[in-house]
Amino acid sequence: MAQYGLLIDNEYCTGCRSCEVACKNENDLPLGQWGIKVLELGPWKLMDGKHWEFRYIPVPTSYCNLCQHRVAKGEQPSCVLHCLASAIEYGPVEELAAKLEAKGKKASIFIP
């Protein structure tokens, strides 16, 4: 049986936090708990001295179960469905690993 996970593309995350809200609502998580949490990195000045860079990094937590109840019905995890930037993808780990290899350092795979 194939193992499934999330591919998170940090290059395209805009920090809108729709994945956080969708997860909390879908799983009825209380205040202070997240199934996925968007972290902020930066800002820092680039070497050209003129521009700044920062990143938003969605990080699944130990409360994430990949929305097993949704997946069992053939649906995507809530965070994937509601990601406005399409920066989160759900699928077989083998397929996600191939995409990760092509993408490089600005993406990560989460396997619960």
N, C-alpha and C. Protein backbone atom coordinates (compact mmCIF):
# COMPACT_ATOMS: atom_id res chain seq x y z
N MET A 1 0.84 -1.19 0.00
CA MET A 1 0.00 0.00 0.00
C MET A 1 0.88 1.25 0.00
N ALA A 2 0.54 2.21 -0.81
CA ALA A 2 1.33 3.44 -0.94
C ALA A 2 1.16 4.30 0.31
N GLN A 3 2.25 4.96 0.67
CA GLN A 3 2.20 5.91 1.78
C GLN A 3 1.95 7.30 1.21
N TYR A 4 1.12 8.08 1.88
CA TYR A 4 0.75 9.39 1.40
C TYR A 4 1.30 10.48 2.31
N GLY A 5 1.46 11.68 1.75
CA GLY A 5 1.99 12.80 2.51
C GLY A 5 1.66 14.11 1.83
N LEU A 6 2.27 15.17 2.33
CA LEU A 6 2.09 16.52 1.79
C LEU A 6 3.41 17.02 1.23
N LEU A 7 3.36 17.66 0.08
CA LEU A 7 4.49 18.40 -0.46
C LEU A 7 4.15 19.87 -0.25
N ILE A 8 5.02 20.58 0.45
CA ILE A 8 4.79 21.98 0.76
C ILE A 8 5.84 22.82 0.04
N ASP A 9 5.39 23.66 -0.87
CA ASP A 9 6.27 24.50 -1.67
C ASP A 9 6.38 25.87 -1.01
N ASN A 10 7.47 26.07 -0.27
CA ASN A 10 7.65 27.32 0.48
C ASN A 10 7.89 28.53 -0.41
N GLU A 11 8.24 28.31 -1.65
CA GLU A 11 8.48 29.43 -2.56
C GLU A 11 7.17 30.17 -2.87
N TYR A 12 6.06 29.44 -2.89
CA TYR A 12 4.80 30.05 -3.32
C TYR A 12 3.84 30.38 -2.18
N CYS A 13 4.14 29.95 -0.96
CA CYS A 13 3.26 30.27 0.17
C CYS A 13 3.27 31.78 0.37
N THR A 14 2.07 32.37 0.44
CA THR A 14 1.94 33.82 0.61
C THR A 14 1.69 34.23 2.06
N GLY A 15 1.54 33.25 2.95
CA GLY A 15 1.30 33.57 4.35
C GLY A 15 -0.14 33.94 4.65
N CYS A 16 -1.07 33.57 3.81
CA CYS A 16 -2.48 33.94 4.01
C CYS A 16 -3.12 33.20 5.18
N ARG A 17 -2.54 32.10 5.57
CA ARG A 17 -3.01 31.28 6.69
C ARG A 17 -4.35 30.59 6.45
N SER A 18 -4.79 30.50 5.20
CA SER A 18 -6.05 29.80 4.93
C SER A 18 -5.93 28.32 5.27
N CYS A 19 -4.73 27.75 5.17
CA CYS A 19 -4.54 26.34 5.56
C CYS A 19 -4.75 26.17 7.06
N GLU A 20 -4.26 27.11 7.86
CA GLU A 20 -4.45 27.06 9.31
C GLU A 20 -5.94 27.10 9.67
N VAL A 21 -6.64 28.05 9.09
CA VAL A 21 -8.06 28.24 9.40
C VAL A 21 -8.87 27.02 8.95
N ALA A 22 -8.60 26.54 7.74
CA ALA A 22 -9.33 25.39 7.22
C ALA A 22 -9.11 24.16 8.10
N CYS A 23 -7.89 23.95 8.53
CA CYS A 23 -7.57 22.81 9.38
C CYS A 23 -8.25 22.91 10.74
N LYS A 24 -8.16 24.08 11.36
CA LYS A 24 -8.79 24.27 12.68
C LYS A 24 -10.30 24.04 12.59
N ASN A 25 -10.93 24.54 11.54
CA ASN A 25 -12.37 24.37 11.38
C ASN A 25 -12.74 22.93 11.06
N GLU A 26 -12.00 22.31 10.17
CA GLU A 26 -12.28 20.93 9.76
C GLU A 26 -12.14 19.95 10.92
N ASN A 27 -11.14 20.17 11.76
CA ASN A 27 -10.83 19.23 12.83
C ASN A 27 -11.28 19.71 14.21
N ASP A 28 -11.96 20.85 14.25
CA ASP A 28 -12.49 21.41 15.49
C ASP A 28 -11.41 21.51 16.58
N LEU A 29 -10.26 22.07 16.18
CA LEU A 29 -9.14 22.21 17.12
C LEU A 29 -9.35 23.42 18.01
N PRO A 30 -9.04 23.31 19.30
CA PRO A 30 -9.24 24.43 20.23
C PRO A 30 -8.19 25.53 20.04
N LEU A 31 -8.44 26.64 20.67
CA LEU A 31 -7.52 27.78 20.64
C LEU A 31 -6.12 27.33 21.07
N GLY A 32 -5.11 27.70 20.32
CA GLY A 32 -3.74 27.36 20.66
C GLY A 32 -3.25 26.05 20.08
N GLN A 33 -4.11 25.34 19.35
CA GLN A 33 -3.68 24.09 18.69
C GLN A 33 -3.89 24.23 17.19
N TRP A 34 -2.94 23.71 16.44
CA TRP A 34 -3.01 23.76 14.99
C TRP A 34 -2.64 22.39 14.43
N GLY A 35 -3.26 22.03 13.33
CA GLY A 35 -2.84 20.85 12.59
C GLY A 35 -1.74 21.24 11.62
N ILE A 36 -1.78 22.49 11.18
CA ILE A 36 -0.72 23.08 10.36
C ILE A 36 -0.55 24.52 10.83
N LYS A 37 0.66 24.96 10.96
CA LYS A 37 0.96 26.31 11.47
C LYS A 37 1.89 27.00 10.49
N VAL A 38 1.57 28.22 10.11
CA VAL A 38 2.42 28.99 9.20
C VAL A 38 3.42 29.79 10.03
N LEU A 39 4.69 29.50 9.80
CA LEU A 39 5.77 30.22 10.48
C LEU A 39 6.30 31.31 9.56
N GLU A 40 6.82 32.38 10.15
CA GLU A 40 7.40 33.48 9.37
C GLU A 40 8.90 33.50 9.58
N LEU A 41 9.64 33.61 8.51
CA LEU A 41 11.10 33.68 8.56
C LEU A 41 11.53 34.98 7.89
N GLY A 42 12.22 35.83 8.64
CA GLY A 42 12.67 37.10 8.08
C GLY A 42 11.86 38.24 8.64
N PRO A 43 12.02 39.42 8.10
CA PRO A 43 12.75 39.76 6.89
C PRO A 43 14.25 39.94 7.13
N TRP A 44 15.02 39.78 6.05
CA TRP A 44 16.44 40.07 6.09
C TRP A 44 16.83 40.76 4.79
N LYS A 45 17.84 41.61 4.89
CA LYS A 45 18.29 42.38 3.73
C LYS A 45 19.16 41.49 2.85
N LEU A 46 18.90 41.54 1.55
CA LEU A 46 19.69 40.76 0.60
C LEU A 46 21.04 41.43 0.38
N MET A 47 21.94 40.67 -0.22
CA MET A 47 23.32 41.15 -0.39
C MET A 47 23.42 42.39 -1.26
N ASP A 48 22.41 42.63 -2.11
CA ASP A 48 22.47 43.83 -2.95
C ASP A 48 22.21 45.10 -2.13
N GLY A 49 21.77 44.95 -0.88
CA GLY A 49 21.55 46.09 0.00
C GLY A 49 20.28 46.88 -0.29
N LYS A 50 19.55 46.51 -1.34
CA LYS A 50 18.37 47.26 -1.74
C LYS A 50 17.07 46.51 -1.47
N HIS A 51 17.14 45.19 -1.45
CA HIS A 51 15.93 44.38 -1.36
C HIS A 51 15.89 43.57 -0.07
N TRP A 52 14.68 43.22 0.31
CA TRP A 52 14.46 42.42 1.51
C TRP A 52 13.79 41.11 1.10
N GLU A 53 14.02 40.08 1.89
CA GLU A 53 13.39 38.80 1.63
C GLU A 53 12.80 38.26 2.93
N PHE A 54 11.71 37.55 2.79
CA PHE A 54 11.11 36.83 3.91
C PHE A 54 10.36 35.65 3.35
N ARG A 55 10.09 34.68 4.20
CA ARG A 55 9.41 33.46 3.78
C ARG A 55 8.31 33.11 4.77
N TYR A 56 7.27 32.49 4.25
CA TYR A 56 6.24 31.87 5.07
C TYR A 56 6.40 30.37 4.89
N ILE A 57 6.37 29.65 5.99
CA ILE A 57 6.64 28.22 5.95
C ILE A 57 5.51 27.47 6.67
N PRO A 58 4.61 26.82 5.92
CA PRO A 58 3.57 26.01 6.55
C PRO A 58 4.20 24.73 7.12
N VAL A 59 3.94 24.47 8.40
CA VAL A 59 4.53 23.31 9.06
C VAL A 59 3.42 22.47 9.69
N PRO A 60 3.20 21.25 9.21
CA PRO A 60 2.23 20.36 9.86
C PRO A 60 2.73 20.01 11.27
N THR A 61 1.78 19.87 12.20
CA THR A 61 2.12 19.55 13.58
C THR A 61 1.73 18.11 13.89
N SER A 62 1.92 17.72 15.13
CA SER A 62 1.56 16.36 15.54
C SER A 62 0.04 16.15 15.53
N TYR A 63 -0.74 17.21 15.43
CA TYR A 63 -2.20 17.07 15.33
C TYR A 63 -2.65 16.73 13.91
N CYS A 64 -1.76 16.84 12.94
CA CYS A 64 -2.13 16.56 11.55
C CYS A 64 -2.25 15.05 11.34
N ASN A 65 -3.40 14.64 10.82
CA ASN A 65 -3.59 13.24 10.44
C ASN A 65 -3.93 13.14 8.95
N LEU A 66 -3.56 14.18 8.21
CA LEU A 66 -3.85 14.29 6.78
C LEU A 66 -5.34 14.20 6.49
N CYS A 67 -6.16 14.66 7.43
CA CYS A 67 -7.62 14.65 7.28
C CYS A 67 -8.11 13.27 6.82
N GLN A 68 -7.76 12.26 7.58
CA GLN A 68 -8.11 10.88 7.22
C GLN A 68 -9.59 10.72 6.90
N HIS A 69 -10.45 11.42 7.61
CA HIS A 69 -11.89 11.33 7.36
C HIS A 69 -12.26 11.87 5.99
N ARG A 70 -11.56 12.89 5.52
CA ARG A 70 -11.81 13.44 4.18
C ARG A 70 -11.23 12.52 3.11
N VAL A 71 -10.00 12.08 3.33
CA VAL A 71 -9.32 11.23 2.36
C VAL A 71 -10.09 9.91 2.16
N ALA A 72 -10.66 9.37 3.23
CA ALA A 72 -11.44 8.14 3.15
C ALA A 72 -12.64 8.29 2.22
N LYS A 73 -13.12 9.53 2.05
CA LYS A 73 -14.25 9.80 1.16
C LYS A 73 -13.77 10.23 -0.24
N GLY A 74 -12.46 10.14 -0.49
CA GLY A 74 -11.92 10.52 -1.79
C GLY A 74 -11.65 12.00 -1.94
N GLU A 75 -11.67 12.74 -0.84
CA GLU A 75 -11.42 14.17 -0.87
C GLU A 75 -9.98 14.48 -0.47
N GLN A 76 -9.54 15.69 -0.75
CA GLN A 76 -8.21 16.14 -0.35
C GLN A 76 -8.23 16.62 1.10
N PRO A 77 -7.07 16.62 1.77
CA PRO A 77 -7.00 17.25 3.08
C PRO A 77 -7.44 18.71 2.99
N SER A 78 -8.02 19.20 4.05
CA SER A 78 -8.58 20.55 4.06
C SER A 78 -7.55 21.62 3.73
N CYS A 79 -6.32 21.47 4.24
CA CYS A 79 -5.29 22.48 3.97
C CYS A 79 -4.97 22.56 2.48
N VAL A 80 -4.97 21.42 1.81
CA VAL A 80 -4.68 21.37 0.37
C VAL A 80 -5.82 22.05 -0.39
N LEU A 81 -7.04 21.69 -0.05
CA LEU A 81 -8.21 22.25 -0.72
C LEU A 81 -8.28 23.76 -0.62
N HIS A 82 -7.91 24.31 0.54
CA HIS A 82 -8.09 25.74 0.79
C HIS A 82 -6.84 26.58 0.58
N CYS A 83 -5.72 25.99 0.20
CA CYS A 83 -4.50 26.76 -0.04
C CYS A 83 -4.69 27.64 -1.27
N LEU A 84 -4.72 28.94 -1.06
CA LEU A 84 -4.98 29.88 -2.16
C LEU A 84 -3.86 29.94 -3.19
N ALA A 85 -2.64 29.62 -2.76
CA ALA A 85 -1.49 29.67 -3.66
C ALA A 85 -1.17 28.31 -4.28
N SER A 86 -1.96 27.30 -3.96
CA SER A 86 -1.70 25.92 -4.40
C SER A 86 -0.28 25.48 -4.04
N ALA A 87 0.16 25.88 -2.85
CA ALA A 87 1.52 25.57 -2.38
C ALA A 87 1.59 24.25 -1.62
N ILE A 88 0.43 23.63 -1.35
CA ILE A 88 0.39 22.36 -0.63
C ILE A 88 -0.25 21.32 -1.53
N GLU A 89 0.42 20.19 -1.67
CA GLU A 89 -0.07 19.12 -2.54
C GLU A 89 -0.10 17.81 -1.76
N TYR A 90 -1.13 17.01 -1.98
CA TYR A 90 -1.30 15.72 -1.31
C TYR A 90 -1.13 14.62 -2.35
N GLY A 91 -0.44 13.54 -1.96
CA GLY A 91 -0.30 12.42 -2.89
C GLY A 91 0.62 11.35 -2.36
N PRO A 92 0.87 10.33 -3.19
CA PRO A 92 1.80 9.26 -2.80
C PRO A 92 3.21 9.83 -2.61
N VAL A 93 3.88 9.36 -1.57
CA VAL A 93 5.20 9.88 -1.23
C VAL A 93 6.18 9.73 -2.39
N GLU A 94 6.10 8.63 -3.13
CA GLU A 94 7.02 8.43 -4.25
C GLU A 94 6.88 9.54 -5.29
N GLU A 95 5.63 9.91 -5.60
CA GLU A 95 5.40 10.99 -6.56
C GLU A 95 5.85 12.34 -6.00
N LEU A 96 5.55 12.57 -4.73
CA LEU A 96 5.95 13.83 -4.10
C LEU A 96 7.47 13.95 -4.04
N ALA A 97 8.16 12.83 -3.78
CA ALA A 97 9.63 12.85 -3.72
C ALA A 97 10.22 13.24 -5.07
N ALA A 98 9.64 12.76 -6.15
CA ALA A 98 10.13 13.11 -7.49
C ALA A 98 9.94 14.61 -7.74
N LYS A 99 8.80 15.13 -7.32
CA LYS A 99 8.55 16.57 -7.49
C LYS A 99 9.49 17.38 -6.61
N LEU A 100 9.75 16.88 -5.40
CA LEU A 100 10.66 17.57 -4.48
C LEU A 100 12.06 17.64 -5.07
N GLU A 101 12.51 16.54 -5.66
CA GLU A 101 13.84 16.51 -6.27
C GLU A 101 13.96 17.55 -7.37
N ALA A 102 12.92 17.70 -8.16
CA ALA A 102 12.92 18.70 -9.23
C ALA A 102 12.84 20.12 -8.68
N LYS A 103 12.13 20.28 -7.55
CA LYS A 103 11.92 21.60 -6.98
C LYS A 103 13.14 22.13 -6.24
N GLY A 104 13.78 21.26 -5.46
CA GLY A 104 14.97 21.71 -4.73
C GLY A 104 14.67 22.16 -3.33
N LYS A 105 15.47 23.10 -2.86
CA LYS A 105 15.52 23.45 -1.43
C LYS A 105 14.32 24.23 -0.90
N LYS A 106 13.44 24.73 -1.71
CA LYS A 106 12.35 25.55 -1.22
C LYS A 106 11.06 24.76 -1.02
N ALA A 107 11.17 23.45 -0.88
CA ALA A 107 10.00 22.62 -0.66
C ALA A 107 10.36 21.54 0.35
N SER A 108 9.32 20.94 0.94
CA SER A 108 9.53 19.87 1.90
C SER A 108 8.37 18.89 1.82
N ILE A 109 8.60 17.68 2.32
CA ILE A 109 7.57 16.64 2.36
C ILE A 109 7.24 16.35 3.80
N PHE A 110 5.96 16.21 4.09
CA PHE A 110 5.49 15.82 5.42
C PHE A 110 4.81 14.47 5.31
N ILE A 111 5.26 13.53 6.14
CA ILE A 111 4.65 12.21 6.21
C ILE A 111 4.29 11.97 7.68
N PRO A 112 3.00 11.81 7.99
CA PRO A 112 2.64 11.62 9.40
C PRO A 112 3.06 10.27 9.94
